[in-house]
Amino acid sequence: MSQAVTNDLDVRLLAPRDKHATIFARLLELTPGDALRIFNDHDPKPLQYQLQAEHAGEFSWEPEQQGPEEWIIRIRRVISAA
Protein backbone atom coordinates (compact mmCIF):
# COMPACT_ATOMS: atom_id res chain seq x y z
CA MET A 1 0.00 0.00 0.00
CA SER A 2 1.38 3.40 -0.96
CA GLN A 3 1.75 6.35 1.37
CA ALA A 4 -0.66 9.28 0.91
CA VAL A 5 0.98 12.38 -0.52
CA THR A 6 0.28 16.03 0.28
CA ASN A 7 1.46 18.68 -2.17
CA ASP A 8 1.57 22.40 -1.40
CA LEU A 9 0.34 25.15 -3.72
CA ASP A 10 0.78 28.81 -2.81
CA VAL A 11 -1.86 30.60 -4.89
CA ARG A 12 -0.93 33.99 -3.44
CA LEU A 13 1.68 34.11 -6.19
CA LEU A 14 -0.86 33.61 -9.01
CA ALA A 15 -2.96 36.17 -10.87
CA PRO A 16 -6.53 36.07 -9.53
CA ARG A 17 -7.92 34.92 -12.90
CA ASP A 18 -5.60 31.87 -12.85
CA LYS A 19 -6.20 30.64 -9.30
CA HIS A 20 -9.23 28.36 -9.66
CA ALA A 21 -8.11 26.82 -12.95
CA THR A 22 -4.68 26.05 -11.50
CA ILE A 23 -6.14 24.57 -8.31
CA PHE A 24 -8.64 22.39 -10.18
CA ALA A 25 -5.96 21.13 -12.57
CA ARG A 26 -3.84 20.05 -9.60
CA LEU A 27 -6.80 18.54 -7.72
CA LEU A 28 -7.86 16.40 -10.66
CA GLU A 29 -4.35 14.89 -10.79
CA LEU A 30 -4.66 13.56 -7.22
CA THR A 31 -5.28 9.91 -6.52
CA PRO A 32 -7.63 8.90 -3.68
CA GLY A 33 -5.96 9.58 -0.33
CA ASP A 34 -3.64 12.27 -1.67
CA ALA A 35 -4.12 15.94 -0.82
CA LEU A 36 -3.35 19.42 -2.04
CA ARG A 37 -2.67 22.05 0.62
CA ILE A 38 -3.55 25.53 -0.60
CA PHE A 39 -2.08 28.75 0.81
CA ASN A 40 -4.18 31.86 0.11
CA ASP A 41 -4.43 35.46 1.28
CA HIS A 42 -8.24 35.45 1.56
CA ASP A 43 -11.03 33.07 2.52
CA PRO A 44 -11.41 30.56 -0.34
CA LYS A 45 -15.16 29.96 0.26
CA PRO A 46 -16.01 30.48 -3.45
CA LEU A 47 -13.55 27.71 -4.30
CA GLN A 48 -15.21 25.43 -1.76
CA TYR A 49 -18.66 26.11 -3.26
CA GLN A 50 -17.39 25.46 -6.78
CA LEU A 51 -15.69 22.24 -5.69
CA GLN A 52 -18.88 21.01 -4.02
CA ALA A 53 -20.99 21.89 -7.06
CA GLU A 54 -18.72 20.35 -9.67
CA HIS A 55 -17.19 17.42 -7.74
CA ALA A 56 -19.64 16.57 -4.95
CA GLY A 57 -18.29 13.85 -2.68
CA GLU A 58 -14.91 13.51 -4.42
CA PHE A 59 -12.92 15.74 -2.06
CA SER A 60 -12.77 16.62 1.64
CA TRP A 61 -12.21 20.22 2.78
CA GLU A 62 -9.95 20.49 5.83
CA PRO A 63 -9.13 24.02 7.06
CA GLU A 64 -5.76 24.21 8.84
CA GLN A 65 -5.63 28.00 9.30
CA GLN A 66 -8.42 30.52 8.73
CA GLY A 67 -7.03 34.04 8.52
CA PRO A 68 -6.75 36.77 9.27
CA GLU A 69 -3.81 37.12 6.86
CA GLU A 70 -3.35 33.57 5.63
CA TRP A 71 -5.73 30.71 4.89
CA ILE A 72 -4.41 27.17 4.61
CA ILE A 73 -6.80 24.52 3.35
CA ARG A 74 -6.04 20.83 2.83
CA ILE A 75 -8.19 19.34 0.09
CA ARG A 76 -8.04 15.55 0.02
CA ARG A 77 -9.30 13.36 -2.79
CA VAL A 78 -11.53 10.76 -1.16
CA ILE A 79 -12.88 9.00 -4.26
CA SER A 80 -12.12 8.91 -7.98
CA ALA A 81 -14.37 10.65 -10.46
CA ALA A 82 -17.15 8.40 -11.72
PDB file of N, CA and C in Angstrom:
ATOM      1  N   MET A   1       0.841  -1.181   0.000  1.00  0.00           N
ATOM      2  CA  MET A   1       0.000   0.000   0.000  1.00  0.00           C
ATOM      3  C   MET A   1       0.883   1.240   0.000  1.00  0.00           C
ATOM      4  N   SER A   2       0.555   2.212  -0.856  1.00  0.00           N
ATOM      5  CA  SER A   2       1.385   3.398  -0.962  1.00  0.00           C
ATOM      6  C   SER A   2       0.990   4.437   0.080  1.00  0.00           C
ATOM      7  N   GLN A   3       1.938   5.276   0.392  1.00  0.00           N
ATOM      8  CA  GLN A   3       1.750   6.350   1.374  1.00  0.00           C
ATOM      9  C   GLN A   3       1.014   7.516   0.721  1.00  0.00           C
ATOM     10  N   ALA A   4       0.056   8.109   1.424  1.00  0.00           N
ATOM     11  CA  ALA A   4      -0.658   9.280   0.913  1.00  0.00           C
ATOM     12  C   ALA A   4       0.313  10.452   0.796  1.00  0.00           C
ATOM     13  N   VAL A   5       0.108  11.250  -0.224  1.00  0.00           N
ATOM     14  CA  VAL A   5       0.980  12.379  -0.521  1.00  0.00           C
ATOM     15  C   VAL A   5       0.198  13.674  -0.360  1.00  0.00           C
ATOM     16  N   THR A   6       0.855  14.692   0.219  1.00  0.00           N
ATOM     17  CA  THR A   6       0.276  16.030   0.277  1.00  0.00           C
ATOM     18  C   THR A   6       1.226  16.970  -0.448  1.00  0.00           C
ATOM     19  N   ASN A   7       0.698  17.682  -1.431  1.00  0.00           N
ATOM     20  CA  ASN A   7       1.463  18.682  -2.170  1.00  0.00           C
ATOM     21  C   ASN A   7       0.995  20.062  -1.758  1.00  0.00           C
ATOM     22  N   ASP A   8       1.902  21.023  -1.758  1.00  0.00           N
ATOM     23  CA  ASP A   8       1.569  22.400  -1.397  1.00  0.00           C
ATOM     24  C   ASP A   8       1.457  23.255  -2.652  1.00  0.00           C
ATOM     25  N   LEU A   9       0.507  24.191  -2.627  1.00  0.00           N
ATOM     26  CA  LEU A   9       0.341  25.146  -3.716  1.00  0.00           C
ATOM     27  C   LEU A   9       0.043  26.511  -3.104  1.00  0.00           C
ATOM     28  N   ASP A  10       0.952  27.453  -3.314  1.00  0.00           N
ATOM     29  CA  ASP A  10       0.780  28.813  -2.815  1.00  0.00           C
ATOM     30  C   ASP A  10       0.149  29.645  -3.921  1.00  0.00           C
ATOM     31  N   VAL A  11      -1.161  29.859  -3.837  1.00  0.00           N
ATOM     32  CA  VAL A  11      -1.856  30.599  -4.889  1.00  0.00           C
ATOM     33  C   VAL A  11      -1.752  32.108  -4.706  1.00  0.00           C
ATOM     34  N   ARG A  12      -1.148  32.546  -3.632  1.00  0.00           N
ATOM     35  CA  ARG A  12      -0.934  33.986  -3.438  1.00  0.00           C
ATOM     36  C   ARG A  12      -0.047  34.542  -4.543  1.00  0.00           C
ATOM     37  N   LEU A  13       0.745  33.683  -5.163  1.00  0.00           N
ATOM     38  CA  LEU A  13       1.681  34.114  -6.193  1.00  0.00           C
ATOM     39  C   LEU A  13       1.054  34.163  -7.585  1.00  0.00           C
ATOM     40  N   LEU A  14      -0.189  33.681  -7.710  1.00  0.00           N
ATOM     41  CA  LEU A  14      -0.856  33.608  -9.011  1.00  0.00           C
ATOM     42  C   LEU A  14      -1.764  34.810  -9.246  1.00  0.00           C
ATOM     43  N   ALA A  15      -1.977  35.135 -10.518  1.00  0.00           N
ATOM     44  CA  ALA A  15      -2.956  36.168 -10.874  1.00  0.00           C
ATOM     45  C   ALA A  15      -4.338  35.656 -10.471  1.00  0.00           C
ATOM     46  N   PRO A  16      -5.208  36.518  -9.964  1.00  0.00           N
ATOM     47  CA  PRO A  16      -6.533  36.072  -9.528  1.00  0.00           C
ATOM     48  C   PRO A  16      -7.292  35.264 -10.578  1.00  0.00           C
ATOM     49  N   ARG A  17      -7.184  35.628 -11.840  1.00  0.00           N
ATOM     50  CA  ARG A  17      -7.916  34.923 -12.904  1.00  0.00           C
ATOM     51  C   ARG A  17      -7.412  33.499 -13.120  1.00  0.00           C
ATOM     52  N   ASP A  18      -6.199  33.186 -12.637  1.00  0.00           N
ATOM     53  CA  ASP A  18      -5.601  31.865 -12.848  1.00  0.00           C
ATOM     54  C   ASP A  18      -5.761  30.920 -11.658  1.00  0.00           C
ATOM     55  N   LYS A  19      -6.210  31.442 -10.526  1.00  0.00           N
ATOM     56  CA  LYS A  19      -6.200  30.641  -9.301  1.00  0.00           C
ATOM     57  C   LYS A  19      -7.070  29.393  -9.382  1.00  0.00           C
ATOM     58  N   HIS A  20      -8.347  29.523  -9.682  1.00  0.00           N
ATOM     59  CA  HIS A  20      -9.235  28.364  -9.655  1.00  0.00           C
ATOM     60  C   HIS A  20      -8.834  27.327 -10.695  1.00  0.00           C
ATOM     61  N   ALA A  21      -8.501  27.762 -11.900  1.00  0.00           N
ATOM     62  CA  ALA A  21      -8.107  26.818 -12.951  1.00  0.00           C
ATOM     63  C   ALA A  21      -6.865  26.035 -12.541  1.00  0.00           C
ATOM     64  N   THR A  22      -5.901  26.713 -11.941  1.00  0.00           N
ATOM     65  CA  THR A  22      -4.675  26.048 -11.495  1.00  0.00           C
ATOM     66  C   THR A  22      -4.975  25.052 -10.387  1.00  0.00           C
ATOM     67  N   ILE A  23      -5.788  25.460  -9.429  1.00  0.00           N
ATOM     68  CA  ILE A  23      -6.136  24.572  -8.314  1.00  0.00           C
ATOM     69  C   ILE A  23      -6.872  23.342  -8.826  1.00  0.00           C
ATOM     70  N   PHE A  24      -7.871  23.530  -9.682  1.00  0.00           N
ATOM     71  CA  PHE A  24      -8.641  22.386 -10.178  1.00  0.00           C
ATOM     72  C   PHE A  24      -7.772  21.443 -11.001  1.00  0.00           C
ATOM     73  N   ALA A  25      -6.868  21.986 -11.796  1.00  0.00           N
ATOM     74  CA  ALA A  25      -5.963  21.127 -12.570  1.00  0.00           C
ATOM     75  C   ALA A  25      -5.145  20.246 -11.632  1.00  0.00           C
ATOM     76  N   ARG A  26      -4.648  20.823 -10.561  1.00  0.00           N
ATOM     77  CA  ARG A  26      -3.842  20.054  -9.596  1.00  0.00           C
ATOM     78  C   ARG A  26      -4.703  19.052  -8.831  1.00  0.00           C
ATOM     79  N   LEU A  27      -5.917  19.450  -8.457  1.00  0.00           N
ATOM     80  CA  LEU A  27      -6.803  18.538  -7.720  1.00  0.00           C
ATOM     81  C   LEU A  27      -7.169  17.313  -8.549  1.00  0.00           C
ATOM     82  N   LEU A  28      -7.436  17.511  -9.820  1.00  0.00           N
ATOM     83  CA  LEU A  28      -7.863  16.400 -10.660  1.00  0.00           C
ATOM     84  C   LEU A  28      -6.735  15.407 -10.938  1.00  0.00           C
ATOM     85  N   GLU A  29      -5.490  15.797 -10.653  1.00  0.00           N
ATOM     86  CA  GLU A  29      -4.347  14.892 -10.788  1.00  0.00           C
ATOM     87  C   GLU A  29      -4.172  13.993  -9.565  1.00  0.00           C
ATOM     88  N   LEU A  30      -4.834  14.330  -8.458  1.00  0.00           N
ATOM     89  CA  LEU A  30      -4.662  13.565  -7.222  1.00  0.00           C
ATOM     90  C   LEU A  30      -5.295  12.185  -7.328  1.00  0.00           C
ATOM     91  N   THR A  31      -4.680  11.223  -6.659  1.00  0.00           N
ATOM     92  CA  THR A  31      -5.281   9.906  -6.517  1.00  0.00           C
ATOM     93  C   THR A  31      -5.962   9.849  -5.155  1.00  0.00           C
ATOM     94  N   PRO A  32      -6.953   8.966  -4.972  1.00  0.00           N
ATOM     95  CA  PRO A  32      -7.631   8.898  -3.676  1.00  0.00           C
ATOM     96  C   PRO A  32      -6.639   8.743  -2.519  1.00  0.00           C
ATOM     97  N   GLY A  33      -6.834   9.557  -1.494  1.00  0.00           N
ATOM     98  CA  GLY A  33      -5.961   9.577  -0.327  1.00  0.00           C
ATOM     99  C   GLY A  33      -4.955  10.712  -0.352  1.00  0.00           C
ATOM    100  N   ASP A  34      -4.586  11.173  -1.555  1.00  0.00           N
ATOM    101  CA  ASP A  34      -3.638  12.268  -1.675  1.00  0.00           C
ATOM    102  C   ASP A  34      -4.335  13.606  -1.459  1.00  0.00           C
ATOM    103  N   ALA A  35      -3.545  14.633  -1.134  1.00  0.00           N
ATOM    104  CA  ALA A  35      -4.119  15.937  -0.817  1.00  0.00           C
ATOM    105  C   ALA A  35      -3.307  17.061  -1.439  1.00  0.00           C
ATOM    106  N   LEU A  36      -3.973  18.183  -1.603  1.00  0.00           N
ATOM    107  CA  LEU A  36      -3.350  19.419  -2.035  1.00  0.00           C
ATOM    108  C   LEU A  36      -3.610  20.440  -0.934  1.00  0.00           C
ATOM    109  N   ARG A  37      -2.532  21.026  -0.416  1.00  0.00           N
ATOM    110  CA  ARG A  37      -2.671  22.051   0.618  1.00  0.00           C
ATOM    111  C   ARG A  37      -2.480  23.405  -0.054  1.00  0.00           C
ATOM    112  N   ILE A  38      -3.510  24.242   0.070  1.00  0.00           N
ATOM    113  CA  ILE A  38      -3.546  25.533  -0.601  1.00  0.00           C
ATOM    114  C   ILE A  38      -3.260  26.647   0.399  1.00  0.00           C
ATOM    115  N   PHE A  39      -2.396  27.558   0.014  1.00  0.00           N
ATOM    116  CA  PHE A  39      -2.080  28.746   0.807  1.00  0.00           C
ATOM    117  C   PHE A  39      -2.657  29.950   0.067  1.00  0.00           C
ATOM    118  N   ASN A  40      -3.514  30.731   0.751  1.00  0.00           N
ATOM    119  CA  ASN A  40      -4.178  31.855   0.109  1.00  0.00           C
ATOM    120  C   ASN A  40      -4.181  33.054   1.047  1.00  0.00           C
ATOM    121  N   ASP A  41      -4.409  34.239   0.472  1.00  0.00           N
ATOM    122  CA  ASP A  41      -4.429  35.463   1.276  1.00  0.00           C
ATOM    123  C   ASP A  41      -5.838  35.938   1.591  1.00  0.00           C
ATOM    124  N   HIS A  42      -6.843  35.129   1.228  1.00  0.00           N
ATOM    125  CA  HIS A  42      -8.237  35.449   1.565  1.00  0.00           C
ATOM    126  C   HIS A  42      -9.010  34.143   1.718  1.00  0.00           C
ATOM    127  N   ASP A  43     -10.184  34.242   2.287  1.00  0.00           N
ATOM    128  CA  ASP A  43     -11.027  33.067   2.522  1.00  0.00           C
ATOM    129  C   ASP A  43     -11.437  32.446   1.182  1.00  0.00           C
ATOM    130  N   PRO A  44     -11.105  31.184   0.943  1.00  0.00           N
ATOM    131  CA  PRO A  44     -11.409  30.557  -0.339  1.00  0.00           C
ATOM    132  C   PRO A  44     -12.799  29.918  -0.400  1.00  0.00           C
ATOM    133  N   LYS A  45     -13.793  30.498   0.271  1.00  0.00           N
ATOM    134  CA  LYS A  45     -15.162  29.963   0.256  1.00  0.00           C
ATOM    135  C   LYS A  45     -15.699  29.758  -1.165  1.00  0.00           C
ATOM    136  N   PRO A  46     -15.502  30.718  -2.096  1.00  0.00           N
ATOM    137  CA  PRO A  46     -16.007  30.482  -3.452  1.00  0.00           C
ATOM    138  C   PRO A  46     -15.430  29.211  -4.087  1.00  0.00           C
ATOM    139  N   LEU A  47     -14.169  28.937  -3.804  1.00  0.00           N
ATOM    140  CA  LEU A  47     -13.551  27.711  -4.296  1.00  0.00           C
ATOM    141  C   LEU A  47     -14.235  26.485  -3.698  1.00  0.00           C
ATOM    142  N   GLN A  48     -14.529  26.539  -2.417  1.00  0.00           N
ATOM    143  CA  GLN A  48     -15.214  25.429  -1.757  1.00  0.00           C
ATOM    144  C   GLN A  48     -16.582  25.187  -2.389  1.00  0.00           C
ATOM    145  N   TYR A  49     -17.334  26.255  -2.645  1.00  0.00           N
ATOM    146  CA  TYR A  49     -18.655  26.110  -3.260  1.00  0.00           C
ATOM    147  C   TYR A  49     -18.549  25.526  -4.670  1.00  0.00           C
ATOM    148  N   GLN A  50     -17.572  25.984  -5.438  1.00  0.00           N
ATOM    149  CA  GLN A  50     -17.387  25.462  -6.783  1.00  0.00           C
ATOM    150  C   GLN A  50     -16.991  23.986  -6.749  1.00  0.00           C
ATOM    151  N   LEU A  51     -16.124  23.635  -5.834  1.00  0.00           N
ATOM    152  CA  LEU A  51     -15.688  22.243  -5.695  1.00  0.00           C
ATOM    153  C   LEU A  51     -16.870  21.345  -5.342  1.00  0.00           C
ATOM    154  N   GLN A  52     -17.699  21.792  -4.410  1.00  0.00           N
ATOM    155  CA  GLN A  52     -18.877  21.007  -4.020  1.00  0.00           C
ATOM    156  C   GLN A  52     -19.867  20.870  -5.169  1.00  0.00           C
ATOM    157  N   ALA A  53     -20.036  21.922  -5.958  1.00  0.00           N
ATOM    158  CA  ALA A  53     -20.988  21.894  -7.062  1.00  0.00           C
ATOM    159  C   ALA A  53     -20.510  21.001  -8.208  1.00  0.00           C
ATOM    160  N   GLU A  54     -19.234  21.057  -8.510  1.00  0.00           N
ATOM    161  CA  GLU A  54     -18.721  20.349  -9.674  1.00  0.00           C
ATOM    162  C   GLU A  54     -18.179  18.953  -9.363  1.00  0.00           C
ATOM    163  N   HIS A  55     -17.822  18.701  -8.103  1.00  0.00           N
ATOM    164  CA  HIS A  55     -17.192  17.423  -7.743  1.00  0.00           C
ATOM    165  C   HIS A  55     -17.710  16.938  -6.389  1.00  0.00           C
ATOM    166  N   ALA A  56     -19.017  16.947  -6.227  1.00  0.00           N
ATOM    167  CA  ALA A  56     -19.639  16.572  -4.950  1.00  0.00           C
ATOM    168  C   ALA A  56     -19.182  15.186  -4.505  1.00  0.00           C
ATOM    169  N   GLY A  57     -18.682  15.116  -3.269  1.00  0.00           N
ATOM    170  CA  GLY A  57     -18.294  13.847  -2.679  1.00  0.00           C
ATOM    171  C   GLY A  57     -16.918  13.336  -3.061  1.00  0.00           C
ATOM    172  N   GLU A  58     -16.228  13.986  -3.990  1.00  0.00           N
ATOM    173  CA  GLU A  58     -14.913  13.513  -4.420  1.00  0.00           C
ATOM    174  C   GLU A  58     -13.777  13.993  -3.522  1.00  0.00           C
ATOM    175  N   PHE A  59     -13.989  15.119  -2.825  1.00  0.00           N
ATOM    176  CA  PHE A  59     -12.919  15.745  -2.058  1.00  0.00           C
ATOM    177  C   PHE A  59     -13.400  16.115  -0.665  1.00  0.00           C
ATOM    178  N   SER A  60     -12.485  16.079   0.307  1.00  0.00           N
ATOM    179  CA  SER A  60     -12.771  16.620   1.637  1.00  0.00           C
ATOM    180  C   SER A  60     -12.108  17.989   1.741  1.00  0.00           C
ATOM    181  N   TRP A  61     -12.673  18.841   2.575  1.00  0.00           N
ATOM    182  CA  TRP A  61     -12.208  20.224   2.775  1.00  0.00           C
ATOM    183  C   TRP A  61     -11.784  20.336   4.222  1.00  0.00           C
ATOM    184  N   GLU A  62     -10.487  20.518   4.474  1.00  0.00           N
ATOM    185  CA  GLU A  62      -9.945  20.489   5.833  1.00  0.00           C
ATOM    186  C   GLU A  62      -9.179  21.779   6.129  1.00  0.00           C
ATOM    187  N   PRO A  63      -9.833  22.782   6.718  1.00  0.00           N
ATOM    188  CA  PRO A  63      -9.129  24.025   7.056  1.00  0.00           C
ATOM    189  C   PRO A  63      -8.044  23.772   8.109  1.00  0.00           C
ATOM    190  N   GLU A  64      -6.856  24.290   7.870  1.00  0.00           N
ATOM    191  CA  GLU A  64      -5.765  24.210   8.838  1.00  0.00           C
ATOM    192  C   GLU A  64      -5.522  25.561   9.496  1.00  0.00           C
ATOM    193  N   GLN A  65      -5.753  26.635   8.762  1.00  0.00           N
ATOM    194  CA  GLN A  65      -5.634  27.997   9.300  1.00  0.00           C
ATOM    195  C   GLN A  65      -6.638  28.868   8.567  1.00  0.00           C
ATOM    196  N   GLN A  66      -7.373  29.687   9.322  1.00  0.00           N
ATOM    197  CA  GLN A  66      -8.415  30.517   8.727  1.00  0.00           C
ATOM    198  C   GLN A  66      -8.208  31.978   9.090  1.00  0.00           C
ATOM    199  N   GLY A  67      -7.278  32.617   8.381  1.00  0.00           N
ATOM    200  CA  GLY A  67      -7.027  34.043   8.525  1.00  0.00           C
ATOM    201  C   GLY A  67      -6.325  34.422   9.810  1.00  0.00           C
ATOM    202  N   PRO A  68      -6.186  35.694  10.049  1.00  0.00           N
ATOM    203  CA  PRO A  68      -6.754  36.774   9.268  1.00  0.00           C
ATOM    204  C   PRO A  68      -5.913  37.154   8.041  1.00  0.00           C
ATOM    205  N   GLU A  69      -4.644  36.745   7.999  1.00  0.00           N
ATOM    206  CA  GLU A  69      -3.809  37.122   6.861  1.00  0.00           C
ATOM    207  C   GLU A  69      -3.498  35.949   5.941  1.00  0.00           C
ATOM    208  N   GLU A  70      -3.670  34.743   6.436  1.00  0.00           N
ATOM    209  CA  GLU A  70      -3.348  33.565   5.627  1.00  0.00           C
ATOM    210  C   GLU A  70      -4.379  32.471   5.892  1.00  0.00           C
ATOM    211  N   TRP A  71      -4.828  31.851   4.812  1.00  0.00           N
ATOM    212  CA  TRP A  71      -5.730  30.708   4.895  1.00  0.00           C
ATOM    213  C   TRP A  71      -4.988  29.514   4.330  1.00  0.00           C
ATOM    214  N   ILE A  72      -5.017  28.416   5.075  1.00  0.00           N
ATOM    215  CA  ILE A  72      -4.408  27.171   4.613  1.00  0.00           C
ATOM    216  C   ILE A  72      -5.497  26.108   4.647  1.00  0.00           C
ATOM    217  N   ILE A  73      -5.755  25.515   3.485  1.00  0.00           N
ATOM    218  CA  ILE A  73      -6.800  24.518   3.352  1.00  0.00           C
ATOM    219  C   ILE A  73      -6.198  23.255   2.749  1.00  0.00           C
ATOM    220  N   ARG A  74      -6.451  22.122   3.384  1.00  0.00           N
ATOM    221  CA  ARG A  74      -6.036  20.832   2.828  1.00  0.00           C
ATOM    222  C   ARG A  74      -7.266  20.224   2.151  1.00  0.00           C
ATOM    223  N   ILE A  75      -7.115  19.954   0.861  1.00  0.00           N
ATOM    224  CA  ILE A  75      -8.193  19.336   0.092  1.00  0.00           C
ATOM    225  C   ILE A  75      -7.721  17.940  -0.289  1.00  0.00           C
ATOM    226  N   ARG A  76      -8.434  16.944   0.222  1.00  0.00           N
ATOM    227  CA  ARG A  76      -8.036  15.549   0.018  1.00  0.00           C
ATOM    228  C   ARG A  76      -9.007  14.869  -0.945  1.00  0.00           C
ATOM    229  N   ARG A  77      -8.445  14.130  -1.884  1.00  0.00           N
ATOM    230  CA  ARG A  77      -9.301  13.355  -2.794  1.00  0.00           C
ATOM    231  C   ARG A  77      -9.732  12.091  -2.060  1.00  0.00           C
ATOM    232  N   VAL A  78     -11.025  11.916  -1.901  1.00  0.00           N
ATOM    233  CA  VAL A  78     -11.529  10.762  -1.158  1.00  0.00           C
ATOM    234  C   VAL A  78     -12.010   9.648  -2.076  1.00  0.00           C
ATOM    235  N   ILE A  79     -12.486  10.009  -3.269  1.00  0.00           N
ATOM    236  CA  ILE A  79     -12.884   9.001  -4.259  1.00  0.00           C
ATOM    237  C   ILE A  79     -12.482   9.475  -5.644  1.00  0.00           C
ATOM    238  N   SER A  80     -12.402   8.557  -6.586  1.00  0.00           N
ATOM    239  CA  SER A  80     -12.121   8.913  -7.975  1.00  0.00           C
ATOM    240  C   SER A  80     -13.397   9.418  -8.637  1.00  0.00           C
ATOM    241  N   ALA A  81     -13.215  10.186  -9.689  1.00  0.00           N
ATOM    242  CA  ALA A  81     -14.374  10.653 -10.461  1.00  0.00           C
ATOM    243  C   ALA A  81     -15.059   9.450 -11.091  1.00  0.00           C
ATOM    244  N   ALA A  82     -16.373   9.512 -11.152  1.00  0.00           N
ATOM    245  CA  ALA A  82     -17.147   8.397 -11.717  1.00  0.00           C
ATOM    246  C   ALA A  82     -17.032   8.351 -13.223  1.00  0.00           C
TER     247      ALA A  82
END
